[in-house]
Amino acid sequence: MNHDVIVLGAGLAGLAAARDLNAAGADVLVLEARDRVGGRVEQTVLPDGRLVQLGGEVVGQAHTAYLALAAELGLTLIPSYVAEPGRIARATAEGVSAGDPPHWFGPGDEDGHRRAAAAFVALARTVDPHDPWSHPHADALDRLSVGAWLRSEGASPAVVRLWEIGQLALASGSCERTSLLAALRKHAAVPGDDAYAYEDWEGLRVAEGSATVALRMAEQLGRRIRLEAPVDEVTVRPGGCRVRLADGATLTAEAVVSALPVGPLRSVAVTGVSEARLASLHRQRQAVAAKFAVAYDKPFWRGLGLNGLSECEGVLGSTWPQSEGILSALIPPERYGVLLGMPAELRDHELLCDIARLYGDEAHQPFMSALRMWGTDPWTQGYVTQWSPGDVMGVGPLHGTHEPPFYVCGSDQWVAGYMEGAVRTGRAAAQAVLRHG
C-alpha cells in the first residue's frame, strides 16, 4: 500500500510530525523499531500511583514548541525541581559540600567565575543560533574547546573545575571536549544573563508525566503507528520513495521523514539523497550517557537541608528530584565505561553508593530503581548531541535542513533542549512536507 508520508521513528519528533500531517489529511504511517512509542521518554507507575520518568522529564519557559504541544494535548505544566527548597550538594574526591561557593574555591575564584560567565554571555550575543557558520570567527570558535577558552580568559583551575562539573552534570560531555561555538550557539538559542539559566531550561515538567505527551499523540494516531518495525533501507526518489524493513517487507510513500537519532540513522542505507547531506547527518555524534531513576518512600534529603540537586565527580554526574521521593540521575559519557565494565547486576549498587555519599545511608534502601543505558541502546545510541571541537563546521549549514522528498527532524537537528528540539523540528518537518505537497 502506498502512503503519502512514512515517518521513521515514534519518539517525540516522529509523533509530532505524524500528528500534524495526519491532522492536515495526509495518509501517514509511523515505523518504530521498539515495542513502544516515546523513544527517550518513558515512564512507569509505582504501586502508590506515583509516576517515575525513566527518560526525558523537564523543560523550561524557553521551550515554546513543547509547551504549546502540551497545551494542545490538554496536559498541565507545573514547576520542576527548580522550585525545590534547600541547597545543592557537590561530591568530589575531597568530600561532599552543600551550597555555594563550591568547597574547592579559594580567594578570587567567585569573582573569576562571574567574569568568565559575563564574557561567555557577551560572546554568545555575537552568534546567530540559526546560522553559526556565518560568524566571522566561526572556524576559530569551533576549534576551541570551552575549557581552553576559559583558560584563555584567565579562569583559574578552580573556576574551570566548576564549569566542568556543571557540564558533566548535564551529561553532554566534558567542557574540554565541547566546541566553544556549539556552546555559544546553545546559549544564543536560549539567551540569558547566566551561562545556564535553570528556569529557562529546566523549570517545568508535565504533571501527568512527560511520557504522556508521546502516549497521547500515539492515541490520536492509532493504527497509523507500526511497532517492532526496524528499517534497513530507504530509497528516495521524486514522486515515490521506498522503505525496506528488517523483515524484508517493502513500503512506499511520496515522502519520508526521518526522526531517527543520528546514531541509528547511520545503520540505515539511504540512497537518492546527496552525499553532502548524508555526510552532514553522519558527522554528528551523540553523548554516550545513561539515566538512573530511583524511588524512595520520602525525600529524606530534605532533612539535611538539601534539595536533591547535585553535581558529582563520581560515576554519577548529577542528581535531581523529579517528584516527591523520586530522584533522577545522569551518568555522563566520561563515566559510562565504568558501568559497561562491570556485571550488569552490580550497576545499581554502584550508583546507589554515589547517592548515599551525597544523602546518607537511607539512599541504599529504594523500593524501585531503573537504569537506562541510552549510549548502548541500539535504537538510541546516545543522549543529546555531543558537539566536539570542529563538529559544528564539520556538520555545516545543511544541519537540520531538508532535501525533498526526504525530510529530517529530531532532537539532534536543533540546537538546544532535546525534548523541545524533537517537538520543534518534528512539527517544522511536517510543515515543510505540506508546503512541498
Protein backbone atom coordinates (compact mmCIF):
# COMPACT_ATOMS: atom_id res chain seq x y z
CA MET A 1 0.00 0.00 0.00
CA ASN A 2 1.32 3.43 -0.91
CA HIS A 3 1.26 6.21 1.70
CA ASP A 4 1.62 9.95 1.42
CA VAL A 5 4.35 10.04 4.09
CA ILE A 6 6.31 7.43 6.03
CA VAL A 7 7.82 8.66 9.30
CA LEU A 8 10.79 6.76 10.70
CA GLY A 9 10.71 6.68 14.50
CA ALA A 10 7.93 7.11 17.07
CA GLY A 11 9.76 9.33 19.52
CA LEU A 12 8.54 12.84 20.23
CA ALA A 13 9.80 14.15 16.89
CA GLY A 14 8.25 11.46 14.74
CA LEU A 15 4.95 11.53 16.60
CA ALA A 16 4.75 15.35 16.44
CA ALA A 17 5.41 15.28 12.69
CA ALA A 18 2.91 12.49 12.07
CA ARG A 19 0.24 14.11 14.21
CA ASP A 20 0.38 17.35 12.23
CA LEU A 21 0.50 15.53 8.89
CA ASN A 22 -2.48 13.40 9.87
CA ALA A 23 -4.41 16.47 11.01
CA ALA A 24 -3.79 18.01 7.57
CA GLY A 25 -5.32 14.98 5.89
CA ALA A 26 -2.16 13.16 4.82
CA ASP A 27 -2.05 9.37 4.79
CA VAL A 28 0.84 8.86 7.20
CA LEU A 29 2.48 5.71 8.58
CA VAL A 30 4.95 5.76 11.50
CA LEU A 31 7.53 2.95 11.74
CA GLU A 32 9.05 2.27 15.16
CA ALA A 33 11.74 -0.33 15.91
CA ARG A 34 10.80 -0.71 19.57
CA ASP A 35 7.69 -2.36 21.00
CA ARG A 36 6.57 1.01 22.42
CA VAL A 37 6.39 4.66 21.42
CA GLY A 38 8.28 7.53 23.03
CA GLY A 39 11.96 6.91 22.30
CA ARG A 40 13.90 8.61 25.10
CA VAL A 41 10.72 9.43 27.02
CA GLU A 42 9.29 6.58 29.05
CA GLN A 43 7.52 6.18 32.38
CA THR A 44 6.24 3.62 34.85
CA VAL A 45 3.68 3.79 37.66
CA LEU A 46 4.52 2.83 41.25
CA PRO A 47 2.03 0.85 43.35
CA ASP A 48 1.17 4.06 45.24
CA GLY A 49 0.29 5.83 41.99
CA ARG A 50 3.41 7.97 41.64
CA LEU A 51 4.85 8.25 38.15
CA VAL A 52 8.54 7.61 37.57
CA GLN A 53 10.08 9.17 34.48
CA LEU A 54 12.67 6.81 33.02
CA GLY A 55 13.61 9.23 30.24
CA GLY A 56 13.33 12.94 29.48
CA GLU A 57 11.28 14.85 32.01
CA VAL A 58 11.97 18.59 32.31
CA VAL A 59 11.61 21.60 30.04
CA GLY A 60 11.66 25.35 30.61
CA GLN A 61 9.99 28.61 29.74
CA ALA A 62 12.13 28.92 26.61
CA HIS A 63 10.84 25.63 25.17
CA THR A 64 7.86 27.14 23.41
CA ALA A 65 7.13 24.37 20.90
CA TYR A 66 6.93 21.74 23.64
CA LEU A 67 4.79 23.95 25.87
CA ALA A 68 2.38 24.64 23.02
CA LEU A 69 2.05 20.94 22.20
CA ALA A 70 1.45 20.05 25.85
CA ALA A 71 -1.35 22.63 25.96
CA GLU A 72 -2.92 21.21 22.78
CA LEU A 73 -2.88 17.76 24.36
CA GLY A 74 -4.63 19.04 27.49
CA LEU A 75 -1.63 18.48 29.76
CA THR A 76 -0.60 20.52 32.79
CA LEU A 77 2.77 22.23 33.27
CA ILE A 78 3.94 22.62 36.87
CA PRO A 79 7.23 23.76 38.47
CA SER A 80 10.05 21.21 38.34
CA TYR A 81 12.81 20.58 40.86
CA VAL A 82 13.98 24.18 40.37
CA ALA A 83 11.31 25.19 42.88
CA GLU A 84 12.56 22.69 45.49
CA PRO A 85 13.83 24.32 48.72
CA GLY A 86 17.30 23.55 50.03
CA ARG A 87 20.90 23.63 48.87
CA ILE A 88 22.73 21.94 46.03
CA ALA A 89 25.26 19.24 47.02
CA ARG A 90 28.62 18.64 45.35
CA ALA A 91 30.65 15.45 45.69
CA THR A 92 34.33 15.31 44.76
CA ALA A 93 37.32 13.24 45.83
CA GLU A 94 37.96 15.70 48.68
CA GLY A 95 34.49 15.36 50.12
CA VAL A 96 30.88 16.47 49.92
CA SER A 97 29.68 20.02 50.49
CA ALA A 98 26.43 21.93 50.17
CA GLY A 99 25.63 25.35 48.78
CA ASP A 100 27.80 27.95 47.12
CA PRO A 101 30.62 28.65 46.65
CA PRO A 102 31.92 25.13 45.93
CA HIS A 103 34.32 23.77 48.51
CA TRP A 104 37.37 23.95 46.22
CA PHE A 105 37.04 27.70 45.60
CA GLY A 106 39.68 29.96 47.06
CA PRO A 107 40.16 33.74 47.23
CA GLY A 108 39.22 35.43 43.97
CA ASP A 109 37.55 32.39 42.39
CA GLU A 110 33.99 33.68 42.82
CA ASP A 111 34.87 36.91 41.05
CA GLY A 112 36.72 34.94 38.37
CA HIS A 113 33.68 32.77 37.78
CA ARG A 114 31.44 35.82 37.39
CA ARG A 115 33.87 37.39 34.91
CA ALA A 116 34.03 34.21 32.84
CA ALA A 117 30.23 33.88 32.79
CA ALA A 118 29.82 37.51 31.74
CA ALA A 119 32.38 37.11 28.95
CA PHE A 120 30.66 33.93 27.73
CA VAL A 121 27.24 35.62 27.66
CA ALA A 122 28.65 38.62 25.79
CA LEU A 123 30.35 36.41 23.20
CA ALA A 124 27.17 34.34 22.75
CA ARG A 125 25.33 37.51 21.71
CA THR A 126 27.53 37.65 18.62
CA VAL A 127 26.39 34.20 17.40
CA ASP A 128 23.28 33.61 15.30
CA PRO A 129 21.87 30.29 16.61
CA HIS A 130 20.25 29.61 13.22
CA ASP A 131 23.44 30.33 11.28
CA PRO A 132 26.55 30.00 13.48
CA TRP A 133 28.58 29.29 10.33
CA SER A 134 28.23 32.96 9.34
CA HIS A 135 30.16 34.19 12.38
CA PRO A 136 33.35 35.93 11.21
CA HIS A 137 35.41 33.75 13.57
CA ALA A 138 33.33 30.58 13.26
CA ASP A 139 36.28 28.31 12.44
CA ALA A 140 38.37 29.53 15.35
CA LEU A 141 35.48 29.36 17.82
CA ASP A 142 34.63 25.83 16.72
CA ARG A 143 38.21 24.59 17.01
CA LEU A 144 38.47 25.92 20.57
CA SER A 145 37.09 23.90 23.48
CA VAL A 146 35.14 25.59 26.25
CA GLY A 147 37.88 24.62 28.70
CA ALA A 148 40.63 26.10 26.54
CA TRP A 149 38.62 29.30 26.11
CA LEU A 150 38.12 29.61 29.87
CA ARG A 151 41.86 29.39 30.44
CA SER A 152 42.46 31.95 27.70
CA GLU A 153 40.15 34.28 29.62
CA GLY A 154 42.27 33.89 32.73
CA ALA A 155 39.95 31.49 34.57
CA SER A 156 41.65 29.69 37.45
CA PRO A 157 41.75 25.89 37.65
CA ALA A 158 39.06 26.08 40.34
CA VAL A 159 36.74 28.01 38.00
CA VAL A 160 37.38 25.61 35.12
CA ARG A 161 36.59 22.76 37.51
CA LEU A 162 33.22 24.32 38.36
CA TRP A 163 32.33 24.63 34.67
CA GLU A 164 33.46 21.04 34.11
CA ILE A 165 31.42 19.54 36.93
CA GLY A 166 28.41 21.52 35.73
CA GLN A 167 28.90 20.38 32.14
CA LEU A 168 29.18 16.73 33.16
CA ALA A 169 26.09 17.13 35.34
CA LEU A 170 24.21 17.75 32.07
CA ALA A 171 25.81 14.59 30.58
CA SER A 172 26.66 16.25 27.29
CA GLY A 173 30.42 15.70 27.57
CA SER A 174 33.40 17.39 29.15
CA CYS A 175 33.98 21.10 28.57
CA GLU A 176 37.45 20.04 27.37
CA ARG A 177 35.74 18.19 24.51
CA THR A 178 32.94 20.66 23.79
CA SER A 179 33.19 23.15 20.93
CA LEU A 180 33.04 26.76 22.12
CA LEU A 181 30.98 27.65 19.04
CA ALA A 182 28.47 24.91 19.91
CA ALA A 183 28.20 26.13 23.49
CA LEU A 184 27.75 29.74 22.36
CA ARG A 185 25.12 28.69 19.82
CA LYS A 186 23.21 26.82 22.50
CA HIS A 187 23.20 29.87 24.76
CA ALA A 188 22.22 32.15 21.87
CA ALA A 189 19.17 29.94 21.25
CA VAL A 190 18.09 30.36 24.89
CA PRO A 191 19.74 33.64 25.91
CA GLY A 192 20.01 34.80 29.47
CA ASP A 193 22.21 36.63 31.95
CA ASP A 194 23.81 33.40 33.22
CA ALA A 195 25.79 30.79 31.36
CA TYR A 196 22.95 28.33 32.08
CA ALA A 197 19.57 29.60 33.27
CA TYR A 198 17.87 26.69 35.03
CA GLU A 199 14.41 28.28 34.96
CA ASP A 200 14.53 28.72 31.19
CA TRP A 201 15.91 25.25 30.60
CA GLU A 202 14.52 23.02 33.34
CA GLY A 203 11.93 24.93 35.36
CA LEU A 204 8.82 22.99 34.27
CA ARG A 205 7.51 19.44 33.99
CA VAL A 206 4.30 17.81 32.82
CA ALA A 207 2.21 16.89 35.86
CA GLU A 208 0.77 13.87 34.06
CA GLY A 209 4.28 12.69 33.14
CA SER A 210 6.44 13.70 30.21
CA ALA A 211 5.93 10.34 28.51
CA THR A 212 2.22 11.13 28.43
CA VAL A 213 2.99 13.67 25.70
CA ALA A 214 4.08 10.80 23.46
CA LEU A 215 1.30 8.48 24.61
CA ARG A 216 -1.45 10.99 23.84
CA MET A 217 -0.08 11.68 20.38
CA ALA A 218 0.08 7.93 19.80
CA GLU A 219 -3.56 7.56 20.86
CA GLN A 220 -4.55 10.14 18.27
CA LEU A 221 -2.58 8.35 15.56
CA GLY A 222 -3.87 4.89 16.48
CA ARG A 223 -3.21 2.25 13.83
CA ARG A 224 -1.05 4.64 11.83
CA ILE A 225 1.83 3.51 14.07
CA ARG A 226 3.56 0.20 13.36
CA LEU A 227 5.73 -1.09 16.22
CA GLU A 228 8.62 -3.57 16.05
CA ALA A 229 9.36 -2.42 12.53
CA PRO A 230 13.07 -1.52 12.25
CA VAL A 231 14.12 -0.03 8.92
CA ASP A 232 17.07 -1.30 6.91
CA GLU A 233 16.95 0.74 3.73
CA VAL A 234 15.42 3.94 2.34
CA THR A 235 15.39 4.76 -1.36
CA VAL A 236 14.44 8.35 -2.11
CA ARG A 237 13.02 9.31 -5.50
CA PRO A 238 10.94 12.31 -6.56
CA GLY A 239 7.39 11.04 -6.93
CA GLY A 240 7.98 7.89 -4.90
CA CYS A 241 10.15 6.58 -2.05
CA ARG A 242 10.70 3.01 -0.91
CA VAL A 243 11.33 1.84 2.67
CA ARG A 244 12.52 -1.69 3.32
CA LEU A 245 12.07 -3.18 6.79
CA ALA A 246 14.43 -5.59 8.52
CA ASP A 247 11.94 -8.43 7.90
CA GLY A 248 12.13 -7.80 4.16
CA ALA A 249 8.77 -6.06 3.78
CA THR A 250 8.75 -3.05 1.45
CA LEU A 251 6.59 0.05 1.83
CA THR A 252 6.21 3.03 -0.49
CA ALA A 253 5.37 6.69 0.03
CA GLU A 254 5.57 10.06 -1.66
CA ALA A 255 7.88 11.37 1.09
CA VAL A 256 9.95 10.09 4.00
CA VAL A 257 10.52 11.90 7.30
CA SER A 258 13.47 10.56 9.30
CA ALA A 259 13.01 11.14 13.02
CA LEU A 260 15.74 8.65 13.90
CA PRO A 261 18.60 9.65 16.20
CA VAL A 262 21.80 10.18 14.24
CA GLY A 263 23.43 7.00 15.60
CA PRO A 264 20.75 4.53 14.45
CA LEU A 265 20.32 6.50 11.21
CA ARG A 266 23.91 5.61 10.26
CA SER A 267 22.83 1.95 10.13
CA VAL A 268 20.12 2.66 7.54
CA ALA A 269 21.19 2.51 3.89
CA VAL A 270 19.86 5.74 2.39
CA THR A 271 20.13 6.30 -1.37
CA GLY A 272 18.82 9.09 -3.57
CA VAL A 273 19.96 11.78 -1.11
CA SER A 274 23.01 13.92 -1.82
CA GLU A 275 26.36 12.81 -0.47
CA ALA A 276 26.79 16.20 1.20
CA ARG A 277 23.58 15.76 3.18
CA LEU A 278 24.42 12.24 4.28
CA ALA A 279 27.90 13.37 5.26
CA SER A 280 26.38 16.15 7.40
CA LEU A 281 23.95 13.76 9.08
CA HIS A 282 26.59 11.11 9.68
CA ARG A 283 29.09 13.65 11.03
CA GLN A 284 27.03 14.25 14.16
CA ARG A 285 27.83 12.39 17.33
CA GLN A 286 25.81 11.74 20.46
CA ALA A 287 26.83 11.77 24.10
CA VAL A 288 27.08 8.17 25.31
CA ALA A 289 25.17 8.68 28.56
CA ALA A 290 22.74 6.90 30.87
CA LYS A 291 19.86 7.81 33.18
CA PHE A 292 19.16 6.32 36.61
CA ALA A 293 15.81 6.77 38.39
CA VAL A 294 15.27 5.67 41.98
CA ALA A 295 12.15 5.82 44.18
CA TYR A 296 12.02 6.19 47.97
CA ASP A 297 9.19 6.39 50.47
CA LYS A 298 10.03 10.02 51.20
CA PRO A 299 12.51 12.76 50.19
CA PHE A 300 14.84 12.15 53.14
CA TRP A 301 17.49 14.54 51.76
CA ARG A 302 15.30 17.45 52.83
CA GLY A 303 16.16 16.67 56.45
CA LEU A 304 19.76 17.56 55.60
CA GLY A 305 18.72 20.93 54.17
CA LEU A 306 19.37 19.66 50.64
CA ASN A 307 17.13 19.94 47.58
CA GLY A 308 18.17 16.70 45.87
CA LEU A 309 20.14 18.56 43.21
CA SER A 310 23.80 17.63 42.98
CA GLU A 311 26.89 17.80 40.79
CA CYS A 312 29.32 14.94 41.19
CA GLU A 313 32.74 13.68 40.20
CA GLY A 314 31.95 10.01 40.89
CA VAL A 315 30.20 7.71 38.43
CA LEU A 316 27.13 9.91 38.60
CA GLY A 317 27.27 13.33 37.07
CA SER A 318 24.20 14.74 38.80
CA THR A 319 21.01 14.06 40.70
CA TRP A 320 17.74 15.99 40.92
CA PRO A 321 14.29 15.33 42.41
CA GLN A 322 11.77 14.53 39.70
CA SER A 323 8.83 14.35 42.15
CA GLU A 324 8.08 13.54 45.80
CA GLY A 325 10.63 10.97 46.97
CA ILE A 326 11.89 10.15 43.46
CA LEU A 327 15.40 11.03 42.33
CA SER A 328 16.77 11.15 38.81
CA ALA A 329 20.46 10.97 37.91
CA LEU A 330 22.63 11.17 34.81
CA ILE A 331 25.83 9.28 34.03
CA PRO A 332 27.97 11.36 31.63
CA PRO A 333 29.98 9.97 28.70
CA GLU A 334 33.29 10.12 30.57
CA ARG A 335 31.95 7.67 33.19
CA TYR A 336 29.74 5.44 31.06
CA GLY A 337 32.56 2.95 30.62
CA VAL A 338 32.61 2.30 34.38
CA LEU A 339 29.12 0.83 34.09
CA LEU A 340 29.92 -1.10 30.92
CA GLY A 341 32.97 -2.62 32.58
CA MET A 342 31.08 -4.24 35.46
CA PRO A 343 28.49 -7.02 35.64
CA ALA A 344 25.04 -5.58 34.97
CA GLU A 345 23.74 -6.79 38.34
CA LEU A 346 26.26 -4.55 40.17
CA ARG A 347 25.43 -1.31 38.39
CA ASP A 348 22.53 -0.21 40.60
CA HIS A 349 24.62 -0.81 43.73
CA GLU A 350 27.48 1.30 42.34
CA LEU A 351 25.12 4.19 41.60
CA LEU A 352 23.31 3.92 44.93
CA CYS A 353 26.67 4.21 46.69
CA ASP A 354 27.20 7.54 44.94
CA ILE A 355 23.74 8.72 46.06
CA ALA A 356 24.41 7.53 49.63
CA ARG A 357 27.61 9.54 49.68
CA LEU A 358 25.53 12.62 48.97
CA TYR A 359 22.47 11.98 51.13
CA GLY A 360 23.25 9.24 53.67
CA ASP A 361 22.63 5.52 54.12
CA GLU A 362 18.88 5.75 53.51
CA ALA A 363 19.82 6.00 49.84
CA HIS A 364 20.69 2.29 49.89
CA GLN A 365 17.04 1.37 50.52
CA PRO A 366 14.94 2.34 47.49
CA PHE A 367 11.92 0.27 46.63
CA MET A 368 12.40 0.77 42.91
CA SER A 369 15.29 1.67 40.62
CA ALA A 370 15.74 1.69 36.85
CA LEU A 371 18.80 2.28 34.70
CA ARG A 372 18.51 3.23 31.05
CA MET A 373 21.78 2.73 29.16
CA TRP A 374 20.98 5.09 26.30
CA GLY A 375 24.51 5.01 24.92
CA THR A 376 24.35 1.30 24.06
CA ASP A 377 20.63 1.05 23.33
CA PRO A 378 20.62 0.10 19.62
CA TRP A 379 17.63 2.35 18.89
CA THR A 380 19.09 5.39 20.65
CA GLN A 381 22.90 5.07 20.75
CA GLY A 382 23.23 8.14 22.92
CA TYR A 383 21.58 11.03 24.71
CA VAL A 384 21.97 14.59 23.38
CA THR A 385 24.21 15.71 20.53
CA GLN A 386 27.82 15.98 21.69
CA TRP A 387 29.47 18.80 19.77
CA SER A 388 33.20 18.26 19.99
CA PRO A 389 35.63 20.87 18.65
CA GLY A 390 35.32 21.01 14.87
CA ASP A 391 31.89 19.39 14.72
CA VAL A 392 29.78 22.48 14.03
CA MET A 393 31.80 23.36 10.95
CA GLY A 394 32.07 19.70 10.01
CA VAL A 395 28.29 19.24 10.01
CA GLY A 396 27.85 22.55 8.22
CA PRO A 397 24.80 24.62 7.28
CA LEU A 398 22.93 21.59 5.86
CA HIS A 399 22.30 20.69 9.51
CA GLY A 400 18.59 20.42 10.21
CA THR A 401 17.51 21.21 6.64
CA HIS A 402 15.58 19.05 4.18
CA GLU A 403 16.05 17.57 0.71
CA PRO A 404 12.50 16.85 -0.51
CA PRO A 405 11.09 14.28 -0.60
CA PHE A 406 13.48 13.37 2.27
CA TYR A 407 13.00 15.33 5.50
CA VAL A 408 14.79 15.17 8.84
CA CYS A 409 13.74 16.01 12.36
CA GLY A 410 14.59 15.07 15.93
CA SER A 411 16.38 16.48 18.94
CA ASP A 412 19.70 16.12 17.09
CA GLN A 413 18.50 18.56 14.45
CA TRP A 414 18.00 21.53 16.76
CA VAL A 415 20.45 23.44 18.88
CA ALA A 416 19.23 23.27 22.47
CA GLY A 417 16.90 21.20 24.64
CA TYR A 418 16.30 17.67 23.38
CA MET A 419 12.55 17.36 24.06
CA GLU A 420 11.99 20.87 22.72
CA GLY A 421 14.21 20.05 19.76
CA ALA A 422 12.22 16.92 18.98
CA VAL A 423 8.85 18.69 19.04
CA ARG A 424 10.07 21.85 17.32
CA THR A 425 11.77 20.05 14.43
CA GLY A 426 9.06 17.40 14.12
CA ARG A 427 6.38 19.99 13.62
CA ALA A 428 8.61 22.02 11.29
CA ALA A 429 9.26 18.92 9.17
CA ALA A 430 5.52 18.33 8.84
CA GLN A 431 5.06 21.93 7.67
CA ALA A 432 7.84 21.50 5.12
CA VAL A 433 6.25 18.31 3.75
CA LEU A 434 2.89 20.04 3.40
CA ARG A 435 4.46 23.05 1.67
CA HIS A 436 6.09 20.85 -0.93
CA GLY A 437 2.83 18.96 -1.47
